[in-house]
N, C-alpha and C. Protein backbone atom coordinates (compact mmCIF):
# COMPACT_ATOMS: atom_id res chain seq x y z
N UNK A 1 -8.03 13.01 -19.98
CA UNK A 1 -7.68 14.44 -18.77
C UNK A 1 -8.15 13.87 -17.58
N UNK A 2 -8.35 12.99 -16.91
CA UNK A 2 -8.78 12.08 -15.67
C UNK A 2 -7.78 12.89 -14.46
N UNK A 3 -8.42 12.73 -13.61
CA UNK A 3 -7.81 13.10 -12.29
C UNK A 3 -8.24 11.82 -11.11
N UNK A 4 -7.46 11.40 -10.56
CA UNK A 4 -7.61 10.32 -9.93
C UNK A 4 -7.02 10.39 -8.31
N UNK A 5 -7.71 9.69 -7.20
CA UNK A 5 -7.09 9.52 -6.03
C UNK A 5 -6.93 8.48 -5.39
N UNK A 6 -5.74 8.71 -4.55
CA UNK A 6 -5.32 6.98 -4.16
C UNK A 6 -4.70 7.45 -2.76
N UNK A 7 -5.29 5.99 -2.24
CA UNK A 7 -4.58 6.05 -0.82
C UNK A 7 -3.44 5.12 -0.59
N UNK A 8 -3.48 4.73 -1.99
CA UNK A 8 -1.63 3.66 -2.06
C UNK A 8 -0.79 4.69 -2.31
N UNK A 9 0.42 4.10 -2.42
CA UNK A 9 1.99 4.79 -2.43
C UNK A 9 1.52 5.11 -3.93
N UNK A 10 2.28 6.24 -4.30
CA UNK A 10 2.17 7.05 -5.52
C UNK A 10 3.44 6.89 -6.32
N UNK A 11 3.72 6.48 -7.20
CA UNK A 11 5.02 6.66 -7.98
C UNK A 11 4.84 7.49 -9.09
N UNK A 12 5.19 8.71 -8.91
CA UNK A 12 4.78 9.94 -9.48
C UNK A 12 5.59 9.57 -11.44
N UNK A 13 6.64 9.13 -11.59
CA UNK A 13 7.12 9.29 -12.66
C UNK A 13 7.21 7.67 -13.53
N UNK A 14 6.29 6.77 -12.89
CA UNK A 14 5.74 5.74 -13.42
C UNK A 14 4.74 6.00 -13.80
N UNK A 15 3.84 6.96 -13.22
CA UNK A 15 2.17 6.96 -13.35
C UNK A 15 2.44 7.81 -14.90
N UNK A 16 3.50 8.91 -14.91
CA UNK A 16 3.52 9.49 -16.07
C UNK A 16 4.02 8.88 -16.95
N UNK A 17 4.89 8.09 -17.15
CA UNK A 17 5.23 7.03 -18.08
C UNK A 17 4.19 6.34 -18.58
N UNK A 18 3.52 5.46 -17.70
CA UNK A 18 2.13 4.78 -17.94
C UNK A 18 0.89 5.49 -18.59
N UNK A 19 0.64 6.88 -18.32
CA UNK A 19 -0.11 7.61 -18.82
C UNK A 19 -0.21 7.91 -20.12
N UNK A 20 1.10 8.07 -20.64
CA UNK A 20 1.71 8.79 -21.94
C UNK A 20 1.62 7.20 -22.56
N UNK A 21 1.59 5.87 -22.04
CA UNK A 21 2.01 5.19 -23.24
C UNK A 21 0.58 4.48 -23.56
N UNK A 22 -0.26 4.87 -22.86
CA UNK A 22 -1.72 4.18 -22.79
C UNK A 22 -2.66 5.14 -23.37
N UNK A 23 -2.29 6.52 -23.41
CA UNK A 23 -3.16 7.70 -23.82
C UNK A 23 -3.09 8.50 -24.55
N UNK A 24 -1.48 8.77 -24.64
CA UNK A 24 -1.14 9.39 -25.77
C UNK A 24 -0.05 9.01 -27.09
N UNK A 25 -0.62 9.69 -28.20
CA UNK A 25 0.10 9.36 -29.28
C UNK A 25 1.73 9.59 -29.50
N UNK A 26 2.40 9.14 -29.50
CA UNK A 26 4.21 9.39 -29.55
C UNK A 26 4.14 10.46 -31.07
N UNK A 27 4.54 11.99 -30.37
CA UNK A 27 4.59 12.34 -31.61
C UNK A 27 3.54 13.83 -31.42
N UNK A 28 2.38 13.61 -30.56
CA UNK A 28 1.31 14.63 -30.56
C UNK A 28 1.74 15.39 -29.67
N UNK A 29 2.67 15.59 -29.38
CA UNK A 29 2.66 16.71 -27.96
C UNK A 29 4.35 16.84 -28.28
N UNK A 30 4.89 18.11 -27.90
CA UNK A 30 6.23 18.65 -27.81
C UNK A 30 6.74 18.91 -26.44
N UNK A 31 6.05 18.97 -25.41
CA UNK A 31 6.01 19.30 -24.21
C UNK A 31 5.71 18.48 -23.30
N UNK A 32 5.92 18.32 -21.98
CA UNK A 32 5.42 17.83 -20.96
C UNK A 32 6.29 18.25 -19.55
N UNK A 33 5.00 18.61 -19.05
CA UNK A 33 5.64 19.71 -17.56
C UNK A 33 4.91 18.99 -16.37
N UNK A 34 5.42 18.53 -15.50
CA UNK A 34 5.08 18.21 -14.39
C UNK A 34 5.31 18.66 -13.13
N UNK A 35 4.83 18.41 -11.92
CA UNK A 35 4.94 18.96 -10.63
C UNK A 35 5.17 17.52 -9.99
N UNK A 36 5.94 17.66 -8.92
CA UNK A 36 5.22 16.59 -8.05
C UNK A 36 5.59 17.35 -6.52
N UNK A 37 4.22 16.64 -5.91
CA UNK A 37 4.42 17.39 -4.24
C UNK A 37 4.95 16.46 -3.17
N UNK A 38 5.62 16.76 -2.47
CA UNK A 38 6.42 15.51 -1.26
C UNK A 38 5.96 15.88 -0.07
N UNK A 39 5.59 15.21 0.78
CA UNK A 39 5.19 15.77 2.41
C UNK A 39 6.99 15.79 3.08
N UNK A 40 6.76 17.33 3.58
CA UNK A 40 7.71 17.46 4.95
C UNK A 40 8.03 16.77 5.56
N UNK A 41 9.07 17.07 6.50
CA UNK A 41 9.14 16.59 7.70
C UNK A 41 9.25 17.58 8.93
N UNK A 42 8.43 18.90 8.55
CA UNK A 42 8.22 20.17 9.40
C UNK A 42 7.08 20.69 8.84
N UNK A 43 6.79 22.02 9.52
CA UNK A 43 5.75 22.39 9.42
C UNK A 43 5.27 23.57 10.56
N UNK A 44 5.11 24.69 10.17
CA UNK A 44 4.97 25.90 11.53
C UNK A 44 5.87 25.95 12.46
N UNK A 45 7.07 25.33 12.14
CA UNK A 45 8.52 25.21 13.02
C UNK A 45 8.51 24.09 13.79
N UNK A 46 7.34 23.04 13.70
CA UNK A 46 7.37 21.64 14.21
C UNK A 46 7.86 20.54 13.29
N UNK A 47 8.63 19.40 14.02
CA UNK A 47 8.46 18.37 13.20
C UNK A 47 7.09 17.42 13.13
N UNK A 48 7.18 16.83 11.73
CA UNK A 48 5.91 16.33 11.28
C UNK A 48 6.58 14.95 11.04
N UNK A 49 5.88 13.70 11.70
CA UNK A 49 5.78 12.61 11.60
C UNK A 49 4.95 11.78 10.49
N UNK A 50 3.86 12.85 10.56
CA UNK A 50 2.70 11.84 10.02
C UNK A 50 1.45 12.66 9.39
N UNK A 51 1.04 12.47 8.37
CA UNK A 51 0.01 13.66 8.20
C UNK A 51 -1.29 12.63 7.32
N UNK A 52 -2.21 13.04 8.00
CA UNK A 52 -3.78 12.37 7.59
C UNK A 52 -4.65 13.30 6.44
N UNK A 53 -4.86 13.28 5.61
CA UNK A 53 -5.78 13.98 4.28
C UNK A 53 -6.86 13.10 4.13
N UNK A 54 -7.94 14.01 4.60
CA UNK A 54 -9.52 13.58 4.31
C UNK A 54 -9.92 14.31 3.15
N UNK A 55 -10.75 13.53 2.84
CA UNK A 55 -11.64 14.44 2.40
C UNK A 55 -12.98 13.58 1.53
N UNK A 56 -14.10 14.17 1.17
CA UNK A 56 -15.15 13.52 0.59
C UNK A 56 -15.45 13.21 -1.02
N UNK A 57 -15.13 11.85 -1.44
CA UNK A 57 -14.45 11.17 -2.67
C UNK A 57 -15.30 12.03 -3.79
N UNK A 58 -16.57 12.26 -3.86
CA UNK A 58 -17.60 12.60 -4.67
C UNK A 58 -17.28 14.28 -5.04
N UNK A 59 -16.97 14.80 -3.87
CA UNK A 59 -16.66 16.26 -4.17
C UNK A 59 -15.31 16.68 -4.39
N UNK A 60 -14.33 15.77 -4.31
CA UNK A 60 -13.06 16.00 -4.57
C UNK A 60 -12.91 15.59 -5.81
N UNK A 61 -13.33 14.37 -6.41
CA UNK A 61 -13.07 13.95 -7.60
C UNK A 61 -14.11 15.10 -8.23
N UNK A 62 -14.93 15.67 -8.35
CA UNK A 62 -15.59 16.67 -9.00
C UNK A 62 -14.66 17.98 -9.08
N UNK A 63 -14.19 18.36 -8.24
CA UNK A 63 -13.22 19.61 -8.01
C UNK A 63 -12.57 19.28 -9.03
N UNK A 64 -11.50 18.16 -8.96
CA UNK A 64 -10.24 17.85 -9.59
C UNK A 64 -10.47 17.90 -11.32
N UNK A 65 -12.23 17.07 -11.48
CA UNK A 65 -12.29 16.98 -12.55
C UNK A 65 -12.24 18.38 -13.07
N UNK A 66 -13.19 19.26 -12.35
CA UNK A 66 -13.60 20.73 -12.92
C UNK A 66 -12.37 21.15 -13.32
N UNK A 67 -11.04 21.54 -12.25
CA UNK A 67 -9.79 21.95 -12.49
C UNK A 67 -9.08 21.47 -13.64
N UNK A 68 -9.09 20.38 -14.03
CA UNK A 68 -8.93 20.07 -15.47
C UNK A 68 -9.40 20.54 -16.55
N UNK A 69 -10.76 20.54 -16.53
CA UNK A 69 -11.60 21.29 -17.38
C UNK A 69 -11.30 22.85 -17.78
N UNK A 70 -10.97 23.29 -16.46
CA UNK A 70 -10.72 25.10 -16.69
C UNK A 70 -9.09 25.01 -17.26
N UNK A 71 -7.91 24.11 -17.14
CA UNK A 71 -6.71 24.16 -17.97
C UNK A 71 -7.17 23.99 -19.07
N UNK A 72 -8.01 23.17 -19.41
CA UNK A 72 -8.22 22.51 -21.06
C UNK A 72 -8.64 23.68 -21.65
N UNK A 73 -9.64 24.71 -20.74
CA UNK A 73 -10.19 25.90 -21.16
C UNK A 73 -8.85 27.03 -21.55
N UNK A 74 -8.39 27.15 -20.79
CA UNK A 74 -7.07 28.30 -21.05
C UNK A 74 -5.81 28.09 -21.43
N UNK A 75 -5.57 27.02 -21.83
CA UNK A 75 -4.41 26.76 -22.77
C UNK A 75 -5.05 25.63 -23.95
N UNK A 76 -4.14 26.01 -25.10
CA UNK A 76 -4.00 24.58 -26.00
C UNK A 76 -3.14 23.40 -25.64
N UNK A 77 -3.82 22.22 -24.83
CA UNK A 77 -3.60 21.19 -24.41
C UNK A 77 -3.85 19.89 -25.12
N UNK A 78 -2.54 18.74 -25.09
CA UNK A 78 -3.19 17.79 -25.35
C UNK A 78 -3.75 16.64 -24.52
N UNK A 79 -3.23 17.29 -23.43
CA UNK A 79 -3.66 16.18 -22.61
C UNK A 79 -3.08 16.89 -20.74
N UNK A 80 -4.12 16.37 -19.57
CA UNK A 80 -3.58 16.77 -18.31
C UNK A 80 -3.97 15.79 -17.72
N UNK A 81 -3.09 15.55 -16.55
CA UNK A 81 -3.55 14.47 -15.48
C UNK A 81 -2.94 15.40 -13.86
N UNK A 82 -4.05 14.50 -13.10
CA UNK A 82 -3.74 15.19 -11.90
C UNK A 82 -4.08 13.82 -10.57
N UNK A 83 -2.94 13.69 -10.08
CA UNK A 83 -3.39 12.48 -9.05
C UNK A 83 -2.91 13.20 -7.87
N UNK A 84 -3.99 12.63 -6.93
CA UNK A 84 -3.52 12.92 -5.42
C UNK A 84 -3.84 12.20 -4.46
N UNK A 85 -2.99 11.98 -3.37
CA UNK A 85 -3.22 11.08 -2.39
C UNK A 85 -3.97 11.46 -1.41
N UNK A 86 -4.45 10.49 -0.47
CA UNK A 86 -5.09 10.70 0.83
C UNK A 86 -5.04 9.80 1.61
N UNK A 87 -5.23 9.53 2.70
CA UNK A 87 -5.24 8.65 3.77
C UNK A 87 -3.68 9.02 4.97
N UNK A 88 -3.13 8.17 5.40
CA UNK A 88 -1.81 8.86 5.53
C UNK A 88 -0.87 8.64 5.05
N UNK A 89 0.22 9.55 5.42
CA UNK A 89 1.31 9.92 4.39
C UNK A 89 2.18 10.54 5.11
N UNK A 90 3.40 9.60 4.88
CA UNK A 90 4.73 9.89 5.66
C UNK A 90 5.79 10.73 4.93
N UNK A 91 6.49 11.35 5.64
CA UNK A 91 7.60 12.40 5.26
C UNK A 91 8.35 11.72 4.01
N UNK A 92 8.67 12.54 3.41
CA UNK A 92 9.17 11.96 2.00
C UNK A 92 7.94 11.51 0.51
N UNK A 93 6.92 10.94 1.24
CA UNK A 93 6.30 10.29 0.41
C UNK A 93 5.60 11.38 -0.70
N UNK A 94 5.28 11.04 -1.90
CA UNK A 94 4.77 12.16 -2.86
C UNK A 94 3.04 12.20 -2.72
N UNK A 95 3.02 13.06 -2.60
CA UNK A 95 1.16 13.38 -2.33
C UNK A 95 0.68 14.00 -3.49
N UNK A 96 1.03 14.69 -4.31
CA UNK A 96 0.44 15.40 -5.53
C UNK A 96 1.04 15.15 -6.78
N UNK A 97 0.61 14.88 -7.79
CA UNK A 97 1.16 14.88 -9.30
C UNK A 97 -0.16 15.35 -10.23
N UNK A 98 0.57 16.76 -10.54
CA UNK A 98 0.50 17.32 -12.00
C UNK A 98 0.81 17.36 -13.49
N UNK A 99 0.50 17.11 -14.12
CA UNK A 99 0.62 16.94 -15.63
C UNK A 99 0.14 17.65 -16.54
N UNK A 100 1.17 18.40 -17.62
CA UNK A 100 0.45 18.83 -18.99
C UNK A 100 1.45 18.63 -20.07
N UNK A 101 0.44 18.08 -21.08
CA UNK A 101 1.21 17.85 -22.11
C UNK A 101 0.56 18.69 -23.21
N UNK A 102 1.22 19.62 -23.83
CA UNK A 102 0.87 20.55 -25.26
C UNK A 102 1.95 20.43 -26.47
N UNK A 103 1.72 21.09 -27.12
CA UNK A 103 2.78 21.40 -28.54
C UNK A 103 3.76 21.97 -28.09
N UNK A 104 3.51 22.90 -27.15
CA UNK A 104 5.12 23.80 -26.86
C UNK A 104 4.95 23.91 -25.65
N UNK A 105 6.30 24.39 -24.62
CA UNK A 105 6.19 24.05 -23.53
C UNK A 105 5.86 25.58 -22.81
N UNK A 106 5.71 26.42 -23.38
CA UNK A 106 4.81 27.72 -22.69
C UNK A 106 3.42 27.25 -21.99
N UNK A 107 2.92 26.67 -22.65
CA UNK A 107 1.54 26.30 -22.36
C UNK A 107 1.45 24.93 -21.41
N UNK A 108 2.38 23.87 -21.39
CA UNK A 108 2.27 23.02 -20.52
C UNK A 108 2.88 23.59 -19.22
N UNK A 109 3.95 24.39 -19.12
CA UNK A 109 4.46 25.13 -17.57
C UNK A 109 3.12 25.88 -16.82
N UNK A 110 2.49 26.86 -18.08
CA UNK A 110 1.42 27.27 -17.52
C UNK A 110 0.51 26.86 -17.05
N UNK A 111 -0.11 25.40 -17.49
CA UNK A 111 -1.26 24.91 -17.28
C UNK A 111 -0.82 23.83 -16.05
N UNK A 112 0.82 23.30 -16.21
CA UNK A 112 1.01 22.69 -14.72
C UNK A 112 0.84 23.35 -13.59
N UNK A 113 1.39 25.24 -13.75
CA UNK A 113 1.49 25.72 -12.82
C UNK A 113 0.25 26.19 -12.36
N UNK A 114 -1.02 26.47 -13.21
CA UNK A 114 -2.38 26.29 -12.78
C UNK A 114 -2.91 25.54 -11.99
N UNK A 115 -2.55 24.35 -12.43
CA UNK A 115 -3.36 23.30 -11.93
C UNK A 115 -2.52 23.21 -10.40
N UNK A 116 -1.29 22.84 -9.87
CA UNK A 116 -1.22 22.80 -8.72
C UNK A 116 -1.48 23.82 -7.71
N UNK A 117 -1.37 25.11 -8.45
CA UNK A 117 -1.81 26.50 -7.93
C UNK A 117 -3.08 26.44 -7.32
N UNK A 118 -4.16 26.16 -8.06
CA UNK A 118 -5.26 26.05 -7.66
C UNK A 118 -6.13 24.94 -6.68
N UNK A 119 -5.28 23.65 -7.09
CA UNK A 119 -5.09 22.44 -6.24
C UNK A 119 -5.00 22.74 -4.76
N UNK A 120 -3.93 23.63 -4.64
CA UNK A 120 -3.23 23.99 -3.49
C UNK A 120 -4.11 25.32 -2.53
N UNK A 121 -4.77 25.81 -3.66
CA UNK A 121 -5.84 26.80 -2.99
C UNK A 121 -7.14 26.81 -2.86
N UNK A 122 -7.76 25.96 -3.42
CA UNK A 122 -9.25 25.52 -3.12
C UNK A 122 -9.56 24.21 -3.34
N UNK A 123 -8.72 23.32 -3.22
CA UNK A 123 -9.20 21.67 -3.44
C UNK A 123 -9.96 21.38 -1.87
N UNK A 124 -10.73 20.38 -1.49
CA UNK A 124 -11.61 20.30 -0.65
C UNK A 124 -10.77 19.00 0.12
N UNK A 125 -9.57 19.03 0.64
CA UNK A 125 -8.36 18.46 1.47
C UNK A 125 -8.67 18.99 2.91
N UNK A 126 -8.60 18.15 3.74
CA UNK A 126 -8.47 18.64 5.46
C UNK A 126 -7.31 17.98 5.30
N UNK A 127 -6.35 18.60 6.31
CA UNK A 127 -5.11 17.83 6.73
C UNK A 127 -4.89 18.02 8.58
N UNK A 128 -4.43 16.36 8.96
CA UNK A 128 -4.41 16.42 10.33
C UNK A 128 -2.81 16.03 10.29
N UNK A 129 -2.05 16.58 11.13
CA UNK A 129 -0.92 16.41 11.26
C UNK A 129 -0.52 15.74 12.64
N UNK A 130 0.75 14.96 12.65
CA UNK A 130 0.93 14.35 13.37
C UNK A 130 2.48 14.54 14.13
N UNK A 131 2.47 15.70 15.56
CA UNK A 131 4.15 16.17 15.43
C UNK A 131 4.40 15.96 16.91
N UNK A 132 5.15 15.03 17.25
CA UNK A 132 5.64 14.39 18.66
C UNK A 132 4.42 13.70 18.88
N UNK A 133 3.96 13.78 20.24
CA UNK A 133 2.77 13.03 20.83
C UNK A 133 1.01 13.73 20.75
N UNK A 134 1.71 15.16 19.42
CA UNK A 134 0.11 15.50 19.17
C UNK A 134 -0.24 15.59 18.07
N UNK A 135 -1.61 15.93 18.21
CA UNK A 135 -1.75 15.67 16.44
C UNK A 135 -2.79 17.23 16.45
N UNK A 136 -2.90 17.97 15.25
CA UNK A 136 -3.56 19.12 14.85
C UNK A 136 -3.76 19.26 13.60
N UNK A 137 -5.12 19.52 13.59
CA UNK A 137 -5.38 20.11 12.33
C UNK A 137 -5.28 21.34 11.71
N UNK A 138 -4.76 21.21 10.64
CA UNK A 138 -4.38 22.42 9.98
C UNK A 138 -5.48 23.41 9.22
N UNK A 139 -5.70 24.29 9.87
CA UNK A 139 -6.61 25.17 9.70
C UNK A 139 -6.52 26.49 8.73
N UNK A 140 -5.42 26.37 7.79
CA UNK A 140 -5.35 27.38 6.93
C UNK A 140 -6.27 26.73 5.59
N UNK A 141 -5.63 27.55 4.78
CA UNK A 141 -6.41 27.09 3.37
C UNK A 141 -6.06 26.01 3.05
N UNK A 142 -7.72 25.24 2.20
CA UNK A 142 -7.33 24.01 2.11
C UNK A 142 -5.77 23.53 1.71
N UNK A 143 -5.25 22.16 1.90
CA UNK A 143 -3.74 21.84 1.90
C UNK A 143 -3.89 20.81 0.68
N UNK A 144 -2.85 20.46 0.17
CA UNK A 144 -2.34 19.31 -0.64
C UNK A 144 -1.12 18.97 -0.19
């Protein structure tokens, strides 16, 4: 049930396949639910050309690991995975991946939804957007 932070580009489907092949026994799960979040080229009525996500690595890793622990305590999971980007991100780039594996789809869907909703609401990331010639920090709830 790891959580990873990447500054490099993220290939979500490749990450899922690699993780399954390396860490999960075939037949040990019946459901895989995932969410892939990508950067939009618009926000708050403006065109956005670039987003910079900042974080404190130790704080963020601790939060993401705790989030995975919470999911395990709420649902009967085989495993879960969270990967989040930081640094400079362009429109269309994948930013976040949450995955939950379980015996049945109900638990996998619920856990995957919980992971992304809690990450979006509570994760310690700070977002700066570049719009045209301007830069602005997004001051709403911490964002992914």
